[in-house]
Amino acid sequence: MKTILVTGAAGFIGAHLTQRLTGAGIRVVGLDNLNDYYDPQLKRDRMAALAEGELFVHEDLDIADRPGMQQLFERYRFDVVVNLAAQAGVRYSLINPHSYVDTNLVGFVNILEGCRHGGVKHFVYASSSSVYGAHTRMPFSVHDNVDHPVSLYAASKKANELMAHTYSHLYNLPTTGLRFFTVYGPWGRPDMALFLFTKAILAGEPIDVFNYGNMERDFTYVDDIVEGVVRVIASVPSADPEWSGDSPDPATSYCPYRVYNIGNNNKEKLLRYIEVLEDCLGRKAEKNLLPMQPGDVPATFADVDDLVRDFDYRPATSLEYGIEKFVQWYREYFRV
């Protein structure tokens, strides 16, 4: 039986992924330190609802804890490691930059070292659409240069891709980075727009709408993300024989390294997103229109051609379905 390490197992995507893996008969060691970036009780409840079971073991550990991570990889033999543990959020990086260094950089190296010494066959990790930064050509392609991040969060995720490539080169560690695009759905994080909007609308409070509503996002339902991750886990990358240093492709390499976008391949206007939410809640939102926030970008849009080519998979969940599922969960969980 395979054993997979999922870091961030009490997190939004991590818990959903764990549910999918254990449901397929795979043993999961779920690492999560249940920190207080947001209410740890939500994390416990999420993990209890989605992750816990006979094939799941929770390890309460911070990935930045170097000795603890060393011991973890000595105690278990992992076939695959999926790193979803990260300090998330663009705006929070303006307030607490050191947490991004501790988790997204120090913690990431600790995981890479564990994979290197633990004989891990495939390291899969979450990157982000934020890495595209000042890039404006749509849709965003993994084959384009992304060297102009506009937030520390984005820079840390780009750094993860570079660090992973180094270990693929030096130690022949197969690594696959997945750039997630605006994930939403049941059990989502309280700092995400859909959660904030729903809470405010139900409380009769105004919602903050940045860039005066002139925002577009490639909203991707959490089940679509999980499906993509599961398919990637099963496909260990190999060296690209056509890769050339004369015209280097950022998405592939001469070593076992790949990067993919996972998005809905469909940018939606933020105001449309709010309209669908209003329909699901049966209430209108009072909008507090505000300027663009530092570190944010006006639009994201995923080119998923590589995902389709290599995995025969294209995310396609509609906003109407996804937002309705979130609202159903929110009303049940908070009893409103």
C-alpha atoms as a PDB file:
ATOM      1  CA  MET A   1       0.000   0.000   0.000  1.00  0.00           C
ATOM      2  CA  LYS A   2       1.290   3.454  -0.911  1.00  0.00           C
ATOM      3  CA  THR A   3       1.982   6.011   1.796  1.00  0.00           C
ATOM      4  CA  ILE A   4       1.683   9.669   0.866  1.00  0.00           C
ATOM      5  CA  LEU A   5       2.669  12.644   3.003  1.00  0.00           C
ATOM      6  CA  VAL A   6       0.244  15.539   2.628  1.00  0.00           C
ATOM      7  CA  THR A   7       1.426  18.689   4.344  1.00  0.00           C
ATOM      8  CA  GLY A   8      -1.265  21.194   5.259  1.00  0.00           C
ATOM      9  CA  ALA A   9      -3.703  18.294   5.726  1.00  0.00           C
ATOM     10  CA  ALA A  10      -6.062  20.387   7.876  1.00  0.00           C
ATOM     11  CA  GLY A  11      -6.056  23.109   5.228  1.00  0.00           C
ATOM     12  CA  PHE A  12      -8.693  23.790   2.610  1.00  0.00           C
ATOM     13  CA  ILE A  13      -7.164  21.860  -0.295  1.00  0.00           C
ATOM     14  CA  GLY A  14      -5.179  19.440   1.875  1.00  0.00           C
ATOM     15  CA  ALA A  15      -8.216  18.024   3.655  1.00  0.00           C
ATOM     16  CA  HIS A  16     -10.153  17.585   0.404  1.00  0.00           C
ATOM     17  CA  LEU A  17      -7.146  15.855  -1.184  1.00  0.00           C
ATOM     18  CA  THR A  18      -6.715  13.575   1.832  1.00  0.00           C
ATOM     19  CA  GLN A  19     -10.364  12.534   1.619  1.00  0.00           C
ATOM     20  CA  ARG A  20      -9.876  11.614  -2.027  1.00  0.00           C
ATOM     21  CA  LEU A  21      -6.652   9.666  -1.412  1.00  0.00           C
ATOM     22  CA  THR A  22      -7.856   7.661   1.589  1.00  0.00           C
ATOM     23  CA  GLY A  23     -11.076   6.925  -0.296  1.00  0.00           C
ATOM     24  CA  ALA A  24      -8.878   5.278  -2.936  1.00  0.00           C
ATOM     25  CA  GLY A  25      -7.222   3.081  -0.314  1.00  0.00           C
ATOM     26  CA  ILE A  26      -4.019   5.121   0.034  1.00  0.00           C
ATOM     27  CA  ARG A  27      -2.465   5.630   3.450  1.00  0.00           C
ATOM     28  CA  VAL A  28      -1.979   9.343   4.218  1.00  0.00           C
ATOM     29  CA  VAL A  29       0.235  10.919   6.835  1.00  0.00           C
ATOM     30  CA  GLY A  30      -1.245  14.376   7.235  1.00  0.00           C
ATOM     31  CA  LEU A  31       1.071  17.011   8.615  1.00  0.00           C
ATOM     32  CA  ASP A  32      -0.444  20.217  10.009  1.00  0.00           C
ATOM     33  CA  ASN A  33       0.519  22.389  12.959  1.00  0.00           C
ATOM     34  CA  LEU A  34      -2.996  23.903  13.251  1.00  0.00           C
ATOM     35  CA  ASN A  35      -1.604  27.427  13.612  1.00  0.00           C
ATOM     36  CA  ASP A  36      -3.755  30.460  14.343  1.00  0.00           C
ATOM     37  CA  TYR A  37      -3.534  32.263  10.972  1.00  0.00           C
ATOM     38  CA  TYR A  38      -7.273  31.661  11.115  1.00  0.00           C
ATOM     39  CA  ASP A  39      -9.507  29.837  13.611  1.00  0.00           C
ATOM     40  CA  PRO A  40      -7.838  26.490  14.394  1.00  0.00           C
ATOM     41  CA  GLN A  41     -11.254  25.054  15.260  1.00  0.00           C
ATOM     42  CA  LEU A  42     -12.274  25.325  11.613  1.00  0.00           C
ATOM     43  CA  LYS A  43      -9.128  23.374  10.736  1.00  0.00           C
ATOM     44  CA  ARG A  44      -9.930  20.681  13.306  1.00  0.00           C
ATOM     45  CA  ASP A  45     -13.518  20.414  12.094  1.00  0.00           C
ATOM     46  CA  ARG A  46     -12.394  20.292   8.467  1.00  0.00           C
ATOM     47  CA  MET A  47      -9.875  17.567   9.194  1.00  0.00           C
ATOM     48  CA  ALA A  48     -12.457  15.583  11.198  1.00  0.00           C
ATOM     49  CA  ALA A  49     -15.033  15.850   8.413  1.00  0.00           C
ATOM     50  CA  LEU A  50     -12.784  15.156   5.441  1.00  0.00           C
ATOM     51  CA  ALA A  51      -9.524  13.553   6.499  1.00  0.00           C
ATOM     52  CA  GLU A  52      -9.808  11.395   9.594  1.00  0.00           C
ATOM     53  CA  GLY A  53     -10.230   7.641   9.200  1.00  0.00           C
ATOM     54  CA  GLU A  54      -8.397   4.340   9.393  1.00  0.00           C
ATOM     55  CA  LEU A  55      -5.935   5.267   6.655  1.00  0.00           C
ATOM     56  CA  PHE A  56      -5.100   8.707   8.075  1.00  0.00           C
ATOM     57  CA  VAL A  57      -2.493   9.683  10.655  1.00  0.00           C
ATOM     58  CA  HIS A  58      -2.198  13.309  11.798  1.00  0.00           C
ATOM     59  CA  GLU A  59       1.265  14.629  12.653  1.00  0.00           C
ATOM     60  CA  ASP A  60       1.096  17.945  14.550  1.00  0.00           C
ATOM     61  CA  LEU A  61       4.269  19.551  13.243  1.00  0.00           C
ATOM     62  CA  ASP A  62       5.506  22.803  11.722  1.00  0.00           C
ATOM     63  CA  ILE A  63       7.393  22.267   8.455  1.00  0.00           C
ATOM     64  CA  ALA A  64       9.838  24.974   9.590  1.00  0.00           C
ATOM     65  CA  ASP A  65      10.886  22.682  12.486  1.00  0.00           C
ATOM     66  CA  ARG A  66      14.064  21.219  11.009  1.00  0.00           C
ATOM     67  CA  PRO A  67      14.768  18.493  13.611  1.00  0.00           C
ATOM     68  CA  GLY A  68      11.086  17.544  13.696  1.00  0.00           C
ATOM     69  CA  MET A  69      10.935  17.200   9.914  1.00  0.00           C
ATOM     70  CA  GLN A  70      14.113  15.136   9.915  1.00  0.00           C
ATOM     71  CA  GLN A  71      12.581  12.763  12.440  1.00  0.00           C
ATOM     72  CA  LEU A  72       9.322  12.564  10.465  1.00  0.00           C
ATOM     73  CA  PHE A  73      11.115  11.346   7.340  1.00  0.00           C
ATOM     74  CA  GLU A  74      13.067   8.853   9.461  1.00  0.00           C
ATOM     75  CA  ARG A  75       9.868   7.425  11.007  1.00  0.00           C
ATOM     76  CA  TYR A  76       7.989   6.968   7.731  1.00  0.00           C
ATOM     77  CA  ARG A  77       8.815   5.786   4.234  1.00  0.00           C
ATOM     78  CA  PHE A  78       6.868   8.020   1.843  1.00  0.00           C
ATOM     79  CA  ASP A  79       6.287   7.072  -1.782  1.00  0.00           C
ATOM     80  CA  VAL A  80       5.032  10.563  -2.663  1.00  0.00           C
ATOM     81  CA  VAL A  81       5.070  13.906  -0.838  1.00  0.00           C
ATOM     82  CA  VAL A  82       2.456  16.564  -1.613  1.00  0.00           C
ATOM     83  CA  ASN A  83       3.298  19.943  -0.099  1.00  0.00           C
ATOM     84  CA  LEU A  84       0.213  22.091   0.449  1.00  0.00           C
ATOM     85  CA  ALA A  85       1.454  23.675   3.682  1.00  0.00           C
ATOM     86  CA  ALA A  86       2.204  27.339   3.114  1.00  0.00           C
ATOM     87  CA  GLN A  87       1.646  30.775   4.490  1.00  0.00           C
ATOM     88  CA  ALA A  88      -1.051  31.886   2.090  1.00  0.00           C
ATOM     89  CA  GLY A  89      -2.513  35.259   1.174  1.00  0.00           C
ATOM     90  CA  VAL A  90      -1.159  38.220  -0.762  1.00  0.00           C
ATOM     91  CA  ARG A  91      -2.294  40.981   1.606  1.00  0.00           C
ATOM     92  CA  TYR A  92      -1.073  39.264   4.764  1.00  0.00           C
ATOM     93  CA  SER A  93       2.444  39.255   3.302  1.00  0.00           C
ATOM     94  CA  LEU A  94       2.439  43.048   3.683  1.00  0.00           C
ATOM     95  CA  ILE A  95       1.767  42.683   7.407  1.00  0.00           C
ATOM     96  CA  ASN A  96       3.805  39.651   8.406  1.00  0.00           C
ATOM     97  CA  PRO A  97       6.520  38.960   5.813  1.00  0.00           C
ATOM     98  CA  HIS A  98       8.634  36.803   8.133  1.00  0.00           C
ATOM     99  CA  SER A  99       5.957  34.105   8.309  1.00  0.00           C
ATOM    100  CA  TYR A 100       6.342  33.624   4.530  1.00  0.00           C
ATOM    101  CA  VAL A 101      10.081  33.157   4.890  1.00  0.00           C
ATOM    102  CA  ASP A 102       9.692  30.696   7.775  1.00  0.00           C
ATOM    103  CA  THR A 103       7.049  28.508   6.134  1.00  0.00           C
ATOM    104  CA  ASN A 104       7.384  28.971   2.381  1.00  0.00           C
ATOM    105  CA  LEU A 105      11.181  29.035   2.226  1.00  0.00           C
ATOM    106  CA  VAL A 106      12.687  27.408   5.333  1.00  0.00           C
ATOM    107  CA  GLY A 107       9.876  24.859   5.556  1.00  0.00           C
ATOM    108  CA  PHE A 108      10.099  24.100   1.855  1.00  0.00           C
ATOM    109  CA  VAL A 109      13.823  23.318   2.098  1.00  0.00           C
ATOM    110  CA  ASN A 110      13.145  21.016   5.044  1.00  0.00           C
ATOM    111  CA  ILE A 111      10.678  19.064   2.890  1.00  0.00           C
ATOM    112  CA  LEU A 112      13.091  18.923  -0.046  1.00  0.00           C
ATOM    113  CA  GLU A 113      15.791  17.569   2.252  1.00  0.00           C
ATOM    114  CA  GLY A 114      13.396  14.976   3.606  1.00  0.00           C
ATOM    115  CA  CYS A 115      12.527  13.883   0.072  1.00  0.00           C
ATOM    116  CA  ARG A 116      16.181  13.757  -0.906  1.00  0.00           C
ATOM    117  CA  HIS A 117      17.292  11.603   2.003  1.00  0.00           C
ATOM    118  CA  GLY A 118      14.056   9.617   2.260  1.00  0.00           C
ATOM    119  CA  GLY A 119      14.068   8.198  -1.252  1.00  0.00           C
ATOM    120  CA  VAL A 120      10.771   9.869  -2.208  1.00  0.00           C
ATOM    121  CA  LYS A 121       9.739   8.943  -5.742  1.00  0.00           C
ATOM    122  CA  HIS A 122       7.769  12.124  -6.556  1.00  0.00           C
ATOM    123  CA  PHE A 123       7.498  15.521  -4.874  1.00  0.00           C
ATOM    124  CA  VAL A 124       4.372  17.488  -5.815  1.00  0.00           C
ATOM    125  CA  TYR A 125       3.937  21.006  -4.467  1.00  0.00           C
ATOM    126  CA  ALA A 126       1.491  23.888  -4.654  1.00  0.00           C
ATOM    127  CA  SER A 127       2.666  26.972  -6.464  1.00  0.00           C
ATOM    128  CA  SER A 128       0.275  29.813  -7.307  1.00  0.00           C
ATOM    129  CA  SER A 129      -1.107  31.945 -10.105  1.00  0.00           C
ATOM    130  CA  SER A 130       0.402  34.831  -8.119  1.00  0.00           C
ATOM    131  CA  VAL A 131       3.802  34.023  -9.634  1.00  0.00           C
ATOM    132  CA  TYR A 132       2.653  35.682 -12.881  1.00  0.00           C
ATOM    133  CA  GLY A 133       2.852  39.044 -11.099  1.00  0.00           C
ATOM    134  CA  ALA A 134       3.242  41.911 -13.564  1.00  0.00           C
ATOM    135  CA  HIS A 135       2.746  39.542 -16.514  1.00  0.00           C
ATOM    136  CA  THR A 136      -0.231  40.704 -18.615  1.00  0.00           C
ATOM    137  CA  ARG A 137      -0.396  38.419 -21.672  1.00  0.00           C
ATOM    138  CA  MET A 138      -3.504  36.249 -21.344  1.00  0.00           C
ATOM    139  CA  PRO A 139      -4.022  33.425 -20.751  1.00  0.00           C
ATOM    140  CA  PHE A 140      -1.079  32.886 -18.399  1.00  0.00           C
ATOM    141  CA  SER A 141       1.192  30.162 -19.759  1.00  0.00           C
ATOM    142  CA  VAL A 142       3.708  28.068 -17.826  1.00  0.00           C
ATOM    143  CA  HIS A 143       6.048  28.547 -20.790  1.00  0.00           C
ATOM    144  CA  ASP A 144       6.286  32.313 -20.184  1.00  0.00           C
ATOM    145  CA  ASN A 145       8.825  34.071 -17.982  1.00  0.00           C
ATOM    146  CA  VAL A 146       7.554  34.945 -14.472  1.00  0.00           C
ATOM    147  CA  ASP A 147      10.417  36.938 -13.012  1.00  0.00           C
ATOM    148  CA  HIS A 148       8.429  39.993 -11.908  1.00  0.00           C
ATOM    149  CA  PRO A 149       6.409  39.109  -8.789  1.00  0.00           C
ATOM    150  CA  VAL A 150       4.395  41.896  -7.123  1.00  0.00           C
ATOM    151  CA  SER A 151       4.061  40.399  -3.626  1.00  0.00           C
ATOM    152  CA  LEU A 152       6.332  38.547  -1.223  1.00  0.00           C
ATOM    153  CA  TYR A 153       3.883  35.643  -1.318  1.00  0.00           C
ATOM    154  CA  ALA A 154       4.325  35.413  -5.099  1.00  0.00           C
ATOM    155  CA  ALA A 155       8.105  35.668  -4.763  1.00  0.00           C
ATOM    156  CA  SER A 156       8.129  32.827  -2.221  1.00  0.00           C
ATOM    157  CA  LYS A 157       6.137  30.609  -4.583  1.00  0.00           C
ATOM    158  CA  LYS A 158       8.441  31.379  -7.492  1.00  0.00           C
ATOM    159  CA  ALA A 159      11.349  30.580  -5.177  1.00  0.00           C
ATOM    160  CA  ASN A 160       9.752  27.183  -4.472  1.00  0.00           C
ATOM    161  CA  GLU A 161       9.808  26.384  -8.184  1.00  0.00           C
ATOM    162  CA  LEU A 162      13.482  27.353  -8.418  1.00  0.00           C
ATOM    163  CA  MET A 163      14.406  25.369  -5.310  1.00  0.00           C
ATOM    164  CA  ALA A 164      12.558  22.319  -6.610  1.00  0.00           C
ATOM    165  CA  HIS A 165      14.435  22.536  -9.903  1.00  0.00           C
ATOM    166  CA  THR A 166      17.738  22.625  -8.040  1.00  0.00           C
ATOM    167  CA  TYR A 167      16.912  19.366  -6.242  1.00  0.00           C
ATOM    168  CA  SER A 168      15.711  17.787  -9.481  1.00  0.00           C
ATOM    169  CA  HIS A 169      19.058  18.739 -11.023  1.00  0.00           C
ATOM    170  CA  LEU A 170      21.356  17.847  -8.121  1.00  0.00           C
ATOM    171  CA  TYR A 171      19.646  14.740  -6.754  1.00  0.00           C
ATOM    172  CA  ASN A 172      17.427  13.557  -9.628  1.00  0.00           C
ATOM    173  CA  LEU A 173      14.359  14.137  -7.430  1.00  0.00           C
ATOM    174  CA  PRO A 174      11.231  14.195  -9.633  1.00  0.00           C
ATOM    175  CA  THR A 175       9.297  17.375  -8.811  1.00  0.00           C
ATOM    176  CA  THR A 176       6.039  18.812 -10.134  1.00  0.00           C
ATOM    177  CA  GLY A 177       4.833  22.319  -9.299  1.00  0.00           C
ATOM    178  CA  LEU A 178       1.144  23.186  -9.629  1.00  0.00           C
ATOM    179  CA  ARG A 179       0.071  26.784 -10.047  1.00  0.00           C
ATOM    180  CA  PHE A 180      -3.412  26.953  -8.517  1.00  0.00           C
ATOM    181  CA  PHE A 181      -5.835  29.627  -9.707  1.00  0.00           C
ATOM    182  CA  THR A 182      -8.256  31.195  -7.149  1.00  0.00           C
ATOM    183  CA  VAL A 183      -9.536  28.043  -5.494  1.00  0.00           C
ATOM    184  CA  TYR A 184     -12.973  28.110  -3.840  1.00  0.00           C
ATOM    185  CA  GLY A 185     -15.543  25.705  -2.446  1.00  0.00           C
ATOM    186  CA  PRO A 186     -16.849  24.105   0.777  1.00  0.00           C
ATOM    187  CA  TRP A 187     -14.565  24.342   3.824  1.00  0.00           C
ATOM    188  CA  GLY A 188     -12.717  27.315   2.276  1.00  0.00           C
ATOM    189  CA  ARG A 189     -10.464  29.682   4.216  1.00  0.00           C
ATOM    190  CA  PRO A 190     -12.063  32.608   6.113  1.00  0.00           C
ATOM    191  CA  ASP A 191      -9.669  35.112   4.498  1.00  0.00           C
ATOM    192  CA  MET A 192     -10.852  34.248   0.968  1.00  0.00           C
ATOM    193  CA  ALA A 193     -13.263  36.487  -0.924  1.00  0.00           C
ATOM    194  CA  LEU A 194     -16.176  34.047  -1.119  1.00  0.00           C
ATOM    195  CA  PHE A 195     -16.077  33.419   2.627  1.00  0.00           C
ATOM    196  CA  LEU A 196     -15.748  37.121   3.464  1.00  0.00           C
ATOM    197  CA  PHE A 197     -18.538  38.105   1.068  1.00  0.00           C
ATOM    198  CA  THR A 198     -20.921  35.434   2.351  1.00  0.00           C
ATOM    199  CA  LYS A 199     -20.316  36.325   5.988  1.00  0.00           C
ATOM    200  CA  ALA A 200     -20.842  40.035   5.369  1.00  0.00           C
ATOM    201  CA  ILE A 201     -23.947  39.679   3.174  1.00  0.00           C
ATOM    202  CA  LEU A 202     -25.670  37.388   5.685  1.00  0.00           C
ATOM    203  CA  ALA A 203     -24.820  39.866   8.468  1.00  0.00           C
ATOM    204  CA  GLY A 204     -26.220  42.777   6.444  1.00  0.00           C
ATOM    205  CA  GLU A 205     -22.792  44.385   6.217  1.00  0.00           C
ATOM    206  CA  PRO A 206     -21.084  45.901   3.138  1.00  0.00           C
ATOM    207  CA  ILE A 207     -18.462  43.907   1.218  1.00  0.00           C
ATOM    208  CA  ASP A 208     -15.120  45.366   0.178  1.00  0.00           C
ATOM    209  CA  VAL A 209     -14.722  45.225  -3.602  1.00  0.00           C
ATOM    210  CA  PHE A 210     -11.242  46.205  -4.762  1.00  0.00           C
ATOM    211  CA  ASN A 211     -10.200  47.978  -7.952  1.00  0.00           C
ATOM    212  CA  TYR A 212     -13.761  49.324  -7.980  1.00  0.00           C
ATOM    213  CA  GLY A 213     -14.965  45.937  -9.157  1.00  0.00           C
ATOM    214  CA  ASN A 214     -12.736  45.844 -12.241  1.00  0.00           C
ATOM    215  CA  MET A 215     -11.217  42.490 -11.356  1.00  0.00           C
ATOM    216  CA  GLU A 216     -11.235  39.199 -13.230  1.00  0.00           C
ATOM    217  CA  ARG A 217     -10.267  35.822 -11.836  1.00  0.00           C
ATOM    218  CA  ASP A 218      -9.969  32.278 -13.087  1.00  0.00           C
ATOM    219  CA  PHE A 219     -12.083  30.812 -10.273  1.00  0.00           C
ATOM    220  CA  THR A 220     -11.381  27.086  -9.810  1.00  0.00           C
ATOM    221  CA  TYR A 221     -13.562  24.735  -7.777  1.00  0.00           C
ATOM    222  CA  VAL A 222     -11.718  22.722  -5.129  1.00  0.00           C
ATOM    223  CA  ASP A 223     -12.793  19.318  -6.507  1.00  0.00           C
ATOM    224  CA  ASP A 224     -11.253  20.266  -9.861  1.00  0.00           C
ATOM    225  CA  ILE A 225      -7.989  21.132  -8.127  1.00  0.00           C
ATOM    226  CA  VAL A 226      -7.993  17.808  -6.275  1.00  0.00           C
ATOM    227  CA  GLU A 227      -8.675  15.862  -9.476  1.00  0.00           C
ATOM    228  CA  GLY A 228      -5.704  17.565 -11.098  1.00  0.00           C
ATOM    229  CA  VAL A 229      -3.424  16.852  -8.133  1.00  0.00           C
ATOM    230  CA  VAL A 230      -4.417  13.171  -8.050  1.00  0.00           C
ATOM    231  CA  ARG A 231      -3.645  12.764 -11.743  1.00  0.00           C
ATOM    232  CA  VAL A 232      -0.284  14.498 -11.343  1.00  0.00           C
ATOM    233  CA  ILE A 233       0.674  12.335  -8.344  1.00  0.00           C
ATOM    234  CA  ALA A 234       0.387   9.230 -10.504  1.00  0.00           C
ATOM    235  CA  SER A 235       2.631  10.588 -13.268  1.00  0.00           C
ATOM    236  CA  VAL A 236       6.288  10.935 -12.290  1.00  0.00           C
ATOM    237  CA  PRO A 237       8.065  13.469 -14.521  1.00  0.00           C
ATOM    238  CA  SER A 238      11.140  12.554 -16.519  1.00  0.00           C
ATOM    239  CA  ALA A 239      13.751  14.627 -18.309  1.00  0.00           C
ATOM    240  CA  ASP A 240      12.534  16.500 -21.379  1.00  0.00           C
ATOM    241  CA  PRO A 241      14.771  15.315 -24.249  1.00  0.00           C
ATOM    242  CA  GLU A 242      13.851  18.385 -26.326  1.00  0.00           C
ATOM    243  CA  TRP A 243      14.796  20.926 -23.659  1.00  0.00           C
ATOM    244  CA  SER A 244      17.488  23.362 -24.752  1.00  0.00           C
ATOM    245  CA  GLY A 245      19.524  25.891 -22.824  1.00  0.00           C
ATOM    246  CA  ASP A 246      19.572  28.086 -25.927  1.00  0.00           C
ATOM    247  CA  SER A 247      15.846  28.726 -25.560  1.00  0.00           C
ATOM    248  CA  PRO A 248      15.014  27.480 -22.055  1.00  0.00           C
ATOM    249  CA  ASP A 249      11.410  26.489 -21.373  1.00  0.00           C
ATOM    250  CA  PRO A 250      10.478  27.418 -17.754  1.00  0.00           C
ATOM    251  CA  ALA A 251       7.882  24.620 -17.542  1.00  0.00           C
ATOM    252  CA  THR A 252      10.200  21.691 -18.328  1.00  0.00           C
ATOM    253  CA  SER A 253      13.855  20.786 -17.967  1.00  0.00           C
ATOM    254  CA  TYR A 254      16.697  18.419 -18.814  1.00  0.00           C
ATOM    255  CA  CYS A 255      16.036  16.957 -15.332  1.00  0.00           C
ATOM    256  CA  PRO A 256      12.786  15.437 -13.928  1.00  0.00           C
ATOM    257  CA  TYR A 257      10.950  18.718 -13.360  1.00  0.00           C
ATOM    258  CA  ARG A 258       7.562  20.056 -14.493  1.00  0.00           C
ATOM    259  CA  VAL A 259       5.251  22.996 -13.792  1.00  0.00           C
ATOM    260  CA  TYR A 260       1.531  23.092 -14.652  1.00  0.00           C
ATOM    261  CA  ASN A 261      -1.365  25.497 -14.290  1.00  0.00           C
ATOM    262  CA  ILE A 262      -4.553  24.165 -12.721  1.00  0.00           C
ATOM    263  CA  GLY A 263      -7.340  26.638 -13.445  1.00  0.00           C
ATOM    264  CA  ASN A 264     -10.766  26.752 -15.006  1.00  0.00           C
ATOM    265  CA  ASN A 265      -9.356  28.264 -18.232  1.00  0.00           C
ATOM    266  CA  ASN A 266     -12.082  30.897 -18.018  1.00  0.00           C
ATOM    267  CA  LYS A 267     -11.700  34.334 -16.446  1.00  0.00           C
ATOM    268  CA  GLU A 268     -14.842  35.663 -14.778  1.00  0.00           C
ATOM    269  CA  LYS A 269     -15.582  39.200 -13.673  1.00  0.00           C
ATOM    270  CA  LEU A 270     -15.574  39.655  -9.903  1.00  0.00           C
ATOM    271  CA  LEU A 271     -18.938  41.429 -10.133  1.00  0.00           C
ATOM    272  CA  ARG A 272     -20.369  38.333 -11.848  1.00  0.00           C
ATOM    273  CA  TYR A 273     -18.985  36.203  -9.007  1.00  0.00           C
ATOM    274  CA  ILE A 274     -20.829  38.436  -6.549  1.00  0.00           C
ATOM    275  CA  GLU A 275     -24.044  38.246  -8.589  1.00  0.00           C
ATOM    276  CA  VAL A 276     -24.029  34.447  -8.471  1.00  0.00           C
ATOM    277  CA  LEU A 277     -23.414  34.559  -4.718  1.00  0.00           C
ATOM    278  CA  GLU A 278     -26.319  36.993  -4.287  1.00  0.00           C
ATOM    279  CA  ASP A 279     -28.575  34.585  -6.188  1.00  0.00           C
ATOM    280  CA  CYS A 280     -27.510  31.664  -3.985  1.00  0.00           C
ATOM    281  CA  LEU A 281     -28.022  33.644  -0.771  1.00  0.00           C
ATOM    282  CA  GLY A 282     -31.242  35.327  -1.906  1.00  0.00           C
ATOM    283  CA  ARG A 283     -29.823  38.665  -0.768  1.00  0.00           C
ATOM    284  CA  LYS A 284     -28.196  41.661  -2.411  1.00  0.00           C
ATOM    285  CA  ALA A 285     -24.743  42.864  -1.431  1.00  0.00           C
ATOM    286  CA  GLU A 286     -23.931  46.417  -0.435  1.00  0.00           C
ATOM    287  CA  LYS A 287     -20.640  47.094  -2.190  1.00  0.00           C
ATOM    288  CA  ASN A 288     -17.864  49.212  -0.725  1.00  0.00           C
ATOM    289  CA  LEU A 289     -15.835  50.029  -3.859  1.00  0.00           C
ATOM    290  CA  LEU A 290     -12.152  50.489  -3.106  1.00  0.00           C
ATOM    291  CA  PRO A 291      -8.906  51.012  -5.074  1.00  0.00           C
ATOM    292  CA  MET A 292      -6.553  48.162  -5.973  1.00  0.00           C
ATOM    293  CA  GLN A 293      -4.628  46.767  -3.024  1.00  0.00           C
ATOM    294  CA  PRO A 294      -0.808  46.626  -3.038  1.00  0.00           C
ATOM    295  CA  GLY A 295       0.462  43.259  -4.298  1.00  0.00           C
ATOM    296  CA  ASP A 296      -2.761  42.429  -6.128  1.00  0.00           C
ATOM    297  CA  VAL A 297      -3.298  42.009  -9.883  1.00  0.00           C
ATOM    298  CA  PRO A 298      -6.352  42.977 -11.970  1.00  0.00           C
ATOM    299  CA  ALA A 299      -6.805  39.627 -13.741  1.00  0.00           C
ATOM    300  CA  THR A 300      -5.765  35.969 -13.838  1.00  0.00           C
ATOM    301  CA  PHE A 301      -6.477  33.451 -16.590  1.00  0.00           C
ATOM    302  CA  ALA A 302      -4.961  29.961 -16.842  1.00  0.00           C
ATOM    303  CA  ASP A 303      -3.678  28.331 -20.005  1.00  0.00           C
ATOM    304  CA  VAL A 304      -4.193  24.625 -19.226  1.00  0.00           C
ATOM    305  CA  ASP A 305      -3.101  23.147 -22.561  1.00  0.00           C
ATOM    306  CA  ASP A 306      -0.244  21.232 -20.920  1.00  0.00           C
ATOM    307  CA  LEU A 307      -2.599  19.764 -18.305  1.00  0.00           C
ATOM    308  CA  VAL A 308      -4.959  18.620 -21.058  1.00  0.00           C
ATOM    309  CA  ARG A 309      -2.123  17.201 -23.162  1.00  0.00           C
ATOM    310  CA  ASP A 310      -0.364  15.298 -20.375  1.00  0.00           C
ATOM    311  CA  PHE A 311      -3.304  14.253 -18.190  1.00  0.00           C
ATOM    312  CA  ASP A 312      -6.345  14.479 -20.449  1.00  0.00           C
ATOM    313  CA  TYR A 313      -7.912  16.801 -17.897  1.00  0.00           C
ATOM    314  CA  ARG A 314      -9.564  20.216 -18.072  1.00  0.00           C
ATOM    315  CA  PRO A 315     -11.296  21.720 -14.997  1.00  0.00           C
ATOM    316  CA  ALA A 316     -14.830  22.792 -15.905  1.00  0.00           C
ATOM    317  CA  THR A 317     -17.025  23.319 -12.814  1.00  0.00           C
ATOM    318  CA  SER A 318     -19.347  26.296 -13.260  1.00  0.00           C
ATOM    319  CA  LEU A 319     -19.526  29.221 -10.849  1.00  0.00           C
ATOM    320  CA  GLU A 320     -23.210  28.513 -10.284  1.00  0.00           C
ATOM    321  CA  TYR A 321     -22.542  24.960  -9.109  1.00  0.00           C
ATOM    322  CA  GLY A 322     -19.433  25.753  -7.070  1.00  0.00           C
ATOM    323  CA  ILE A 323     -20.806  28.787  -5.242  1.00  0.00           C
ATOM    324  CA  GLU A 324     -24.072  26.985  -4.454  1.00  0.00           C
ATOM    325  CA  LYS A 325     -22.084  24.138  -2.883  1.00  0.00           C
ATOM    326  CA  PHE A 326     -20.102  26.613  -0.785  1.00  0.00           C
ATOM    327  CA  VAL A 327     -23.248  28.394   0.404  1.00  0.00           C
ATOM    328  CA  GLN A 328     -24.855  25.077   1.352  1.00  0.00           C
ATOM    329  CA  TRP A 329     -21.790  24.159   3.391  1.00  0.00           C
ATOM    330  CA  TYR A 330     -21.559  27.625   5.003  1.00  0.00           C
ATOM    331  CA  ARG A 331     -25.200  27.629   6.099  1.00  0.00           C
ATOM    332  CA  GLU A 332     -24.912  24.127   7.555  1.00  0.00           C
ATOM    333  CA  TYR A 333     -21.600  24.727   9.327  1.00  0.00           C
ATOM    334  CA  PHE A 334     -22.506  28.102  10.840  1.00  0.00           C
ATOM    335  CA  ARG A 335     -26.233  27.306  11.142  1.00  0.00           C
ATOM    336  CA  VAL A 336     -27.364  30.495   9.406  1.00  0.00           C
END
